[in-house]
Amino acid sequence: MKAYDILAYLLEHLEPNSVTALVTNDGIPLMLSKDSEYEISVYICKDENVKKFHKEFDKPTLHRAVIELLEEISSYLGKEITELNISNSVKFEDCVPKKQEVKREKPQKKRVVETRNLLEEMRKLPPAYNIIPLFTDNGKLIAIVLENLSLILTDKIVKNISRVSDGNISPVNVDPVTIIYVLSTLKFDLQKGNPFSSYEKYTFFTALYQDLGEIGEEGEFQNRKMIKKQGKFFSVTPKGILKPIPLEFLDVSREKKNTLNVGYFIHDGEKFVKLNSFDLFEYHEKNIFTINAYLFSSFIVTQKDFKVEYQNFDKLISNFVNSVISKGIGAKYVKDVFELERILYDIQYVRAVAGNEISIVDPISLWYYRNKGEDVRLCDSCELKDKVELWNRIIKGFYREFLL
């Protein structure tokens, strides 16, 4: 997306002491660090060295700081930087950081190593598993495994949800609403992507957005020409703070405007690509999948030990109503959303509500029992209990700000 727009947004909305990876259209990696409320640093790898650009600003001078930062970076690189994209990670493998090297605290390193080990365990496939095909890459299928929420690369090309067992693969009939529930929990953190649904450069996630129309340019994904669009997305924090965020994405369809969509996206390290979507207002009206069900399913990534704070979810509901639907495209759903918040048990992830705590089941447990036609409960003794506990340990504290 436009370099000015993304930098202005990040300077204004990033939490202090947070880091975001960016990349230019021609693949130059940048690392943006929010040093304090009004200090920003950008690190760029060039000629085997890391160059640091630093700006101090306040609210009135924020936009001037963005312009000056872009001018300095463009001058240093010898070309105008007009577009930047959020990246899954930033690697300065060809650089030797000197005094500008970003300092990392030892406890942070320890947690990174621990999380990496947990993810390796999480990605181990059970003897039998179910996959959702997403797209092909160089003749192989990228798919998501419902038993551990991980992306895999496989030689087995299928077009429908299928079960893999003993080397054999066969199509299966599944409840589409269960699939929506599960996929709605796969979110994209603005700094770190997604811990589960990533494979090499690809990250799969769901996000709420408004289609603002075509930009007038073409993009390409997997050798396929696609329409470049502007979208209004929404970021949320574990405290329920909601903010609009403009993002460009590639699409093959010309969706109707003035509606709110749930999109299934791939991020390839540089750009966002929409694979599919559905109209959330339409699903809400038909009682297929309500607005509240989507909001809560997305928000369970803020859980700790299978509990979500009701106060924070309530704040998300209020912010969503005030910022997204009350004055615009979904005003007629305001009453519904507030009324449904009082009957949380209609949402399949909710086990119990007591005081400020909402006890939940995880998406792996939900998939396991719904697929068996049994009542949904926390899988603490089933064959996937290890995956459930890993989900809890990995996701706890992972998300700081993510696309809703």
Protein backbone atom coordinates (compact mmCIF):
# COMPACT_ATOMS: atom_id res chain seq x y z
CA MET A 1 0.00 0.00 0.00
CA LYS A 2 1.03 3.65 -0.13
CA ALA A 3 4.16 4.20 1.93
CA TYR A 4 2.86 7.42 3.47
CA ASP A 5 -0.46 5.82 4.56
CA ILE A 6 1.09 2.77 6.23
CA LEU A 7 3.82 4.77 8.02
CA ALA A 8 1.35 7.38 9.26
CA TYR A 9 -0.89 4.64 10.61
CA LEU A 10 1.97 2.80 12.34
CA LEU A 11 3.41 5.96 13.91
CA GLU A 12 0.00 6.84 15.31
CA HIS A 13 -1.27 3.43 16.42
CA LEU A 14 1.66 1.16 17.31
CA GLU A 15 2.20 0.54 21.01
CA PRO A 16 5.54 1.75 22.45
CA ASN A 17 8.35 -0.85 22.42
CA SER A 18 6.77 -2.75 19.53
CA VAL A 19 8.34 -3.71 16.22
CA THR A 20 6.82 -4.16 12.75
CA ALA A 21 8.48 -5.70 9.70
CA LEU A 22 7.99 -3.93 6.36
CA VAL A 23 9.20 -4.54 2.82
CA THR A 24 9.38 -2.35 -0.29
CA ASN A 25 7.84 -3.50 -3.57
CA ASP A 26 11.28 -4.58 -4.81
CA GLY A 27 11.99 -6.66 -1.71
CA ILE A 28 14.11 -4.37 0.48
CA PRO A 29 13.42 -5.25 4.15
CA LEU A 30 12.82 -2.58 6.78
CA MET A 31 12.24 -2.86 10.50
CA LEU A 32 10.17 -0.16 12.21
CA SER A 33 10.53 0.20 15.99
CA LYS A 34 8.20 2.36 18.10
CA ASP A 35 10.76 3.39 20.73
CA SER A 36 8.32 5.45 22.79
CA GLU A 37 5.00 7.22 22.34
CA TYR A 38 6.61 9.87 20.14
CA GLU A 39 9.84 8.27 18.91
CA ILE A 40 10.29 5.98 15.92
CA SER A 41 13.29 4.21 14.39
CA VAL A 42 13.56 2.52 11.00
CA TYR A 43 16.37 0.05 10.24
CA ILE A 44 17.39 -0.81 6.66
CA CYS A 45 19.88 -3.38 5.39
CA LYS A 46 22.18 -2.11 2.62
CA ASP A 47 25.78 -2.88 1.63
CA GLU A 48 26.18 -5.36 4.51
CA ASN A 49 25.32 -2.75 7.11
CA VAL A 50 22.22 -1.76 9.02
CA LYS A 51 21.33 1.92 8.70
CA LYS A 52 19.15 3.54 11.35
CA PHE A 53 16.75 6.45 10.78
CA HIS A 54 15.28 8.05 13.89
CA LYS A 55 12.48 10.60 14.32
CA GLU A 56 10.96 12.35 17.30
CA PHE A 57 7.53 13.90 16.85
CA ASP A 58 4.31 14.89 18.58
CA LYS A 59 0.71 14.84 17.38
CA PRO A 60 0.91 18.09 15.36
CA THR A 61 4.20 17.06 13.69
CA LEU A 62 3.42 13.38 13.03
CA HIS A 63 2.70 13.80 9.34
CA ARG A 64 5.78 15.98 8.80
CA ALA A 65 7.85 13.23 10.46
CA VAL A 66 6.43 10.68 8.00
CA ILE A 67 7.31 12.85 5.01
CA GLU A 68 10.84 13.52 6.28
CA LEU A 69 11.36 9.84 7.07
CA LEU A 70 10.32 8.81 3.56
CA GLU A 71 12.55 11.48 2.00
CA GLU A 72 15.58 10.31 4.03
CA ILE A 73 14.98 6.63 3.26
CA SER A 74 14.47 7.35 -0.45
CA SER A 75 17.65 9.43 -0.56
CA TYR A 76 19.62 6.67 1.18
CA LEU A 77 18.34 3.96 -1.18
CA GLY A 78 18.70 6.14 -4.25
CA LYS A 79 15.09 5.73 -5.34
CA GLU A 80 11.70 7.05 -4.31
CA ILE A 81 9.82 4.80 -1.89
CA THR A 82 6.14 5.11 -2.74
CA GLU A 83 4.82 1.77 -1.48
CA LEU A 84 5.45 -0.37 1.60
CA ASN A 85 3.84 -3.59 2.77
CA ILE A 86 3.64 -5.33 6.12
CA SER A 87 5.87 -8.42 6.15
CA ASN A 88 5.66 -11.62 8.18
CA SER A 89 9.25 -11.12 9.36
CA VAL A 90 12.39 -9.15 8.60
CA LYS A 91 15.75 -10.82 8.03
CA PHE A 92 19.01 -8.92 7.70
CA GLU A 93 20.99 -12.02 6.79
CA ASP A 94 23.43 -10.14 4.56
CA CYS A 95 24.10 -7.41 7.12
CA VAL A 96 26.42 -7.06 10.03
CA PRO A 97 24.59 -4.86 12.56
CA LYS A 98 26.95 -2.61 14.45
CA LYS A 99 26.00 0.15 16.87
CA GLN A 100 22.54 0.37 15.33
CA GLU A 101 21.68 -3.23 16.14
CA VAL A 102 18.33 -3.51 17.87
CA LYS A 103 18.80 -4.70 21.43
CA ARG A 104 16.92 -7.79 22.54
CA GLU A 105 16.36 -8.70 26.14
CA LYS A 106 17.41 -12.21 27.16
CA PRO A 107 13.97 -13.22 28.48
CA GLN A 108 12.54 -12.28 25.08
CA LYS A 109 15.03 -14.59 23.35
CA LYS A 110 14.15 -17.40 25.73
CA ARG A 111 10.45 -17.05 24.95
CA VAL A 112 11.15 -17.02 21.19
CA VAL A 113 13.12 -20.28 21.48
CA GLU A 114 10.42 -21.85 23.68
CA THR A 115 7.65 -20.82 21.27
CA ARG A 116 9.63 -22.20 18.32
CA ASN A 117 9.94 -25.55 20.07
CA LEU A 118 6.25 -25.61 20.92
CA LEU A 119 5.36 -24.82 17.32
CA GLU A 120 7.49 -27.70 16.08
CA GLU A 121 5.45 -30.01 18.30
CA MET A 122 2.20 -28.39 17.20
CA ARG A 123 2.98 -28.90 13.51
CA LYS A 124 3.54 -32.64 13.84
CA LEU A 125 0.65 -34.30 12.04
CA PRO A 126 -1.57 -36.88 13.75
CA PRO A 127 -2.01 -40.30 12.05
CA ALA A 128 -5.27 -39.11 10.44
CA TYR A 129 -6.24 -35.51 9.74
CA ASN A 130 -8.54 -33.30 7.65
CA ILE A 131 -7.38 -30.59 5.26
CA ILE A 132 -8.93 -27.52 3.64
CA PRO A 133 -7.30 -26.84 0.24
CA LEU A 134 -6.31 -23.20 -0.29
CA PHE A 135 -4.22 -22.90 -3.48
CA THR A 136 -1.44 -24.59 -5.44
CA ASP A 137 2.19 -23.48 -5.47
CA ASN A 138 4.51 -24.95 -8.13
CA GLY A 139 2.28 -27.96 -8.60
CA LYS A 140 1.79 -28.67 -4.90
CA LEU A 141 -1.16 -27.95 -2.65
CA ILE A 142 -1.08 -25.47 0.23
CA ALA A 143 -3.72 -26.60 2.71
CA ILE A 144 -4.71 -26.01 6.31
CA VAL A 145 -4.97 -28.93 8.75
CA LEU A 146 -7.99 -28.70 11.04
CA GLU A 147 -6.43 -30.86 13.77
CA ASN A 148 -3.56 -28.44 14.44
CA LEU A 149 -4.48 -25.28 12.42
CA SER A 150 -1.17 -25.48 10.51
CA LEU A 151 -0.41 -24.90 6.85
CA ILE A 152 1.15 -27.80 4.98
CA LEU A 153 2.56 -28.41 1.51
CA THR A 154 1.41 -31.68 -0.05
CA ASP A 155 1.58 -33.53 -3.38
CA LYS A 156 -2.05 -34.55 -2.97
CA ILE A 157 -4.12 -32.10 -5.04
CA VAL A 158 -7.77 -31.90 -3.97
CA LYS A 159 -10.49 -29.30 -4.45
CA ASN A 160 -12.68 -30.11 -1.46
CA ILE A 161 -12.20 -30.66 2.26
CA SER A 162 -10.64 -34.10 2.57
CA ARG A 163 -9.42 -36.65 5.11
CA VAL A 164 -5.90 -38.02 4.95
CA SER A 165 -5.29 -41.41 6.58
CA ASP A 166 -2.68 -44.14 5.94
CA GLY A 167 -1.55 -42.37 2.78
CA ASN A 168 -5.07 -42.32 1.37
CA ILE A 169 -7.14 -39.20 0.81
CA SER A 170 -10.91 -38.98 0.45
CA PRO A 171 -13.49 -36.16 0.43
CA VAL A 172 -15.57 -35.60 3.57
CA ASN A 173 -18.84 -33.84 4.32
CA VAL A 174 -18.48 -31.28 7.08
CA ASP A 175 -20.70 -28.66 8.67
CA PRO A 176 -19.80 -25.37 6.93
CA VAL A 177 -20.64 -23.32 10.06
CA THR A 178 -18.10 -25.32 12.07
CA ILE A 179 -15.47 -24.47 9.46
CA ILE A 180 -16.36 -20.77 9.74
CA TYR A 181 -16.03 -20.95 13.52
CA VAL A 182 -12.60 -22.58 13.31
CA LEU A 183 -11.14 -20.36 10.58
CA SER A 184 -12.40 -17.20 12.31
CA THR A 185 -9.84 -17.79 15.08
CA LEU A 186 -6.90 -17.53 12.66
CA LYS A 187 -5.86 -13.90 12.92
CA PHE A 188 -2.97 -11.78 11.61
CA ASP A 189 -0.94 -9.94 14.23
CA LEU A 190 0.43 -6.72 12.73
CA GLN A 191 3.91 -7.48 14.09
CA LYS A 192 4.18 -11.26 14.06
CA GLY A 193 1.61 -12.71 11.65
CA ASN A 194 0.08 -15.99 12.87
CA PRO A 195 1.91 -18.65 14.92
CA PHE A 196 0.00 -21.60 13.46
CA SER A 197 -1.24 -20.98 9.93
CA SER A 198 2.11 -20.11 8.33
CA TYR A 199 4.29 -22.05 5.89
CA GLU A 200 7.54 -20.51 4.66
CA LYS A 201 6.50 -17.09 3.28
CA TYR A 202 2.74 -17.74 3.40
CA THR A 203 0.34 -16.88 6.23
CA PHE A 204 -3.37 -17.68 6.10
CA PHE A 205 -5.87 -15.68 8.18
CA THR A 206 -9.39 -14.27 8.32
CA ALA A 207 -10.21 -10.57 8.58
CA LEU A 208 -13.20 -8.25 8.58
CA TYR A 209 -13.17 -5.56 5.90
CA GLN A 210 -15.11 -3.15 3.73
CA ASP A 211 -14.33 -3.23 0.03
CA LEU A 212 -13.65 0.40 -0.99
CA GLY A 213 -13.21 -0.41 -4.67
CA GLU A 214 -10.55 -0.83 -7.28
CA ILE A 215 -7.37 1.24 -7.29
CA GLY A 216 -6.97 1.04 -11.05
CA GLU A 217 -3.93 -1.19 -11.09
CA GLU A 218 -3.41 -4.90 -11.62
CA GLY A 219 -1.54 -7.30 -9.39
CA GLU A 220 -0.45 -10.91 -9.72
CA PHE A 221 -0.51 -13.98 -7.52
CA GLN A 222 0.56 -17.47 -8.62
CA ASN A 223 0.81 -16.22 -12.23
CA ARG A 224 -2.79 -15.04 -12.13
CA LYS A 225 -3.78 -11.46 -12.87
CA MET A 226 -5.84 -9.94 -10.08
CA ILE A 227 -7.60 -6.69 -9.26
CA LYS A 228 -5.84 -4.38 -6.80
CA LYS A 229 -8.27 -2.90 -4.29
CA GLN A 230 -8.37 -0.59 -1.30
CA GLY A 231 -9.98 -2.00 1.83
CA LYS A 232 -10.96 -0.66 5.21
CA PHE A 233 -9.83 -3.22 7.78
CA PHE A 234 -9.92 -3.08 11.57
CA SER A 235 -7.23 -3.80 14.13
CA VAL A 236 -8.01 -4.77 17.72
CA THR A 237 -5.95 -5.18 20.89
CA PRO A 238 -6.52 -7.64 23.77
CA LYS A 239 -8.10 -4.74 25.66
CA GLY A 240 -10.81 -4.39 23.01
CA ILE A 241 -9.46 -1.19 21.47
CA LEU A 242 -10.58 -1.06 17.83
CA LYS A 243 -9.05 1.07 15.07
CA PRO A 244 -9.63 1.30 11.31
CA ILE A 245 -6.63 0.49 9.14
CA PRO A 246 -6.39 1.02 5.34
CA LEU A 247 -4.85 -1.89 3.44
CA GLU A 248 -4.50 -2.77 -0.22
CA PHE A 249 -5.25 -6.32 -1.32
CA LEU A 250 -5.57 -8.40 -4.47
CA ASP A 251 -8.91 -9.90 -5.49
CA VAL A 252 -10.49 -11.69 -8.44
CA SER A 253 -14.07 -10.52 -7.84
CA ARG A 254 -15.85 -7.21 -8.02
CA GLU A 255 -17.79 -7.29 -4.77
CA LYS A 256 -20.69 -5.01 -4.01
CA LYS A 257 -19.78 -2.09 -1.78
CA ASN A 258 -21.53 -0.86 1.37
CA THR A 259 -21.37 -4.17 3.15
CA LEU A 260 -19.12 -5.85 5.68
CA ASN A 261 -17.23 -8.93 4.56
CA VAL A 262 -15.29 -11.69 6.26
CA GLY A 263 -12.36 -12.49 4.01
CA TYR A 264 -10.04 -15.48 3.83
CA PHE A 265 -6.60 -14.05 3.05
CA ILE A 266 -3.08 -15.13 2.27
CA HIS A 267 -0.13 -12.87 3.05
CA ASP A 268 2.91 -13.84 0.97
CA GLY A 269 5.41 -11.66 2.81
CA GLU A 270 4.67 -8.63 0.61
CA LYS A 271 0.98 -8.40 -0.28
CA PHE A 272 -2.44 -9.44 0.94
CA VAL A 273 -4.42 -11.74 -1.38
CA LYS A 274 -8.11 -12.54 -0.87
CA LEU A 275 -8.95 -16.18 -1.56
CA ASN A 276 -12.64 -16.06 -0.68
CA SER A 277 -15.16 -14.16 1.43
CA PHE A 278 -18.75 -13.97 2.66
CA ASP A 279 -21.11 -11.12 3.49
CA LEU A 280 -21.33 -11.04 7.31
CA PHE A 281 -24.56 -8.99 7.29
CA GLU A 282 -26.21 -11.54 5.00
CA TYR A 283 -25.10 -14.46 7.19
CA HIS A 284 -26.32 -12.58 10.27
CA GLU A 285 -29.76 -11.92 8.79
CA LYS A 286 -30.15 -15.58 7.76
CA ASN A 287 -28.92 -16.67 11.22
CA ILE A 288 -26.15 -18.73 9.63
CA PHE A 289 -23.35 -17.01 11.53
CA THR A 290 -23.99 -13.87 13.56
CA ILE A 291 -21.93 -10.72 13.87
CA ASN A 292 -21.39 -11.53 17.56
CA ALA A 293 -20.24 -15.07 16.75
CA TYR A 294 -17.57 -13.68 14.43
CA LEU A 295 -16.42 -11.01 16.88
CA PHE A 296 -16.09 -13.49 19.74
CA SER A 297 -14.47 -16.19 17.59
CA SER A 298 -11.86 -13.64 16.53
CA PHE A 299 -11.35 -12.36 20.07
CA ILE A 300 -10.63 -15.76 21.68
CA VAL A 301 -7.01 -15.38 20.56
CA THR A 302 -6.69 -13.03 23.56
CA GLN A 303 -7.47 -15.92 25.93
CA LYS A 304 -5.38 -17.14 28.84
CA ASP A 305 -5.86 -20.71 30.01
CA PHE A 306 -9.20 -21.00 28.19
CA LYS A 307 -10.66 -17.82 29.66
CA VAL A 308 -11.51 -14.51 27.98
CA GLU A 309 -12.09 -11.32 29.97
CA TYR A 310 -15.71 -10.24 29.56
CA GLN A 311 -14.86 -6.57 30.17
CA ASN A 312 -12.47 -6.52 27.22
CA PHE A 313 -14.92 -8.28 24.90
CA ASP A 314 -17.65 -5.85 25.98
CA LYS A 315 -15.34 -2.96 25.07
CA LEU A 316 -14.78 -4.51 21.63
CA ILE A 317 -18.55 -4.78 21.11
CA SER A 318 -19.06 -1.12 22.06
CA ASN A 319 -16.18 0.08 19.88
CA PHE A 320 -17.39 -2.04 16.97
CA VAL A 321 -20.90 -0.62 17.20
CA ASN A 322 -19.74 2.98 17.59
CA SER A 323 -16.94 2.91 15.01
CA VAL A 324 -18.16 0.47 12.37
CA ILE A 325 -21.93 0.05 12.14
CA SER A 326 -23.84 2.70 14.13
CA LYS A 327 -23.27 5.57 11.70
CA GLY A 328 -22.78 3.66 8.50
CA ILE A 329 -23.49 0.51 6.62
CA GLY A 330 -24.90 -1.61 9.44
CA ALA A 331 -26.97 0.76 11.58
CA LYS A 332 -29.97 -1.57 11.56
CA TYR A 333 -27.92 -4.29 13.30
CA VAL A 334 -26.97 -2.23 16.36
CA LYS A 335 -29.89 -3.49 18.45
CA ASP A 336 -29.19 -7.10 17.44
CA VAL A 337 -25.55 -6.90 18.45
CA PHE A 338 -26.29 -5.50 21.91
CA GLU A 339 -29.10 -7.99 22.53
CA LEU A 340 -27.02 -10.99 21.42
CA GLU A 341 -24.20 -9.95 23.75
CA ARG A 342 -26.50 -10.85 26.64
CA ILE A 343 -26.94 -14.42 25.38
CA LEU A 344 -23.31 -15.45 24.82
CA TYR A 345 -24.20 -19.14 25.20
CA ASP A 346 -25.46 -19.11 21.61
CA ILE A 347 -21.80 -18.83 20.55
CA GLN A 348 -20.30 -22.31 20.29
CA TYR A 349 -16.99 -21.36 21.90
CA VAL A 350 -18.65 -20.24 25.15
CA ARG A 351 -18.75 -22.79 27.99
CA ALA A 352 -19.65 -20.59 30.94
CA VAL A 353 -19.81 -16.97 32.07
CA ALA A 354 -18.97 -16.06 35.65
CA GLY A 355 -18.28 -12.49 36.69
CA ASN A 356 -15.62 -11.06 34.38
CA GLU A 357 -14.56 -14.46 33.00
CA ILE A 358 -15.88 -16.22 29.93
CA SER A 359 -14.75 -19.86 29.92
CA ILE A 360 -14.18 -21.14 26.39
CA VAL A 361 -13.33 -24.16 24.32
CA ASP A 362 -10.58 -23.87 21.73
CA PRO A 363 -11.03 -24.29 17.93
CA ILE A 364 -9.35 -27.72 17.90
CA SER A 365 -11.73 -29.08 20.54
CA LEU A 366 -14.69 -27.53 18.75
CA TRP A 367 -13.67 -29.13 15.43
CA TYR A 368 -12.97 -32.52 17.04
CA TYR A 369 -16.32 -32.92 18.78
CA ARG A 370 -18.48 -31.24 16.12
CA ASN A 371 -16.91 -33.50 13.49
CA LYS A 372 -17.86 -36.53 15.62
CA GLY A 373 -21.41 -35.21 16.06
CA GLU A 374 -20.95 -34.83 19.84
CA ASP A 375 -21.57 -31.97 22.24
CA VAL A 376 -18.72 -29.48 22.21
CA ARG A 377 -16.47 -29.53 25.27
CA LEU A 378 -12.85 -28.91 26.15
CA CYS A 379 -10.71 -31.76 24.85
CA ASP A 380 -8.70 -32.63 27.98
CA SER A 381 -8.61 -36.40 27.45
CA CYS A 382 -9.23 -36.98 23.74
CA GLU A 383 -6.59 -37.95 21.17
CA LEU A 384 -5.92 -34.27 20.37
CA LYS A 385 -5.46 -33.14 23.97
CA ASP A 386 -1.74 -32.39 23.39
CA LYS A 387 -2.60 -30.10 20.46
CA VAL A 388 -5.20 -28.32 22.59
CA GLU A 389 -2.71 -27.65 25.37
CA LEU A 390 -0.09 -26.48 22.86
CA TRP A 391 -2.66 -24.09 21.35
CA ASN A 392 -3.24 -22.61 24.80
CA ARG A 393 0.46 -22.24 25.61
CA ILE A 394 1.48 -20.78 22.24
CA ILE A 395 -1.35 -18.31 21.82
CA LYS A 396 -1.29 -17.01 25.39
CA GLY A 397 0.12 -13.49 25.17
CA PHE A 398 1.05 -13.82 21.49
CA TYR A 399 -1.33 -11.21 20.03
CA ARG A 400 -0.76 -7.53 20.76
CA GLU A 401 -2.66 -5.96 17.86
CA PHE A 402 -4.31 -8.00 15.14
CA LEU A 403 -6.68 -7.70 12.22
CA LEU A 404 -10.21 -8.39 13.46
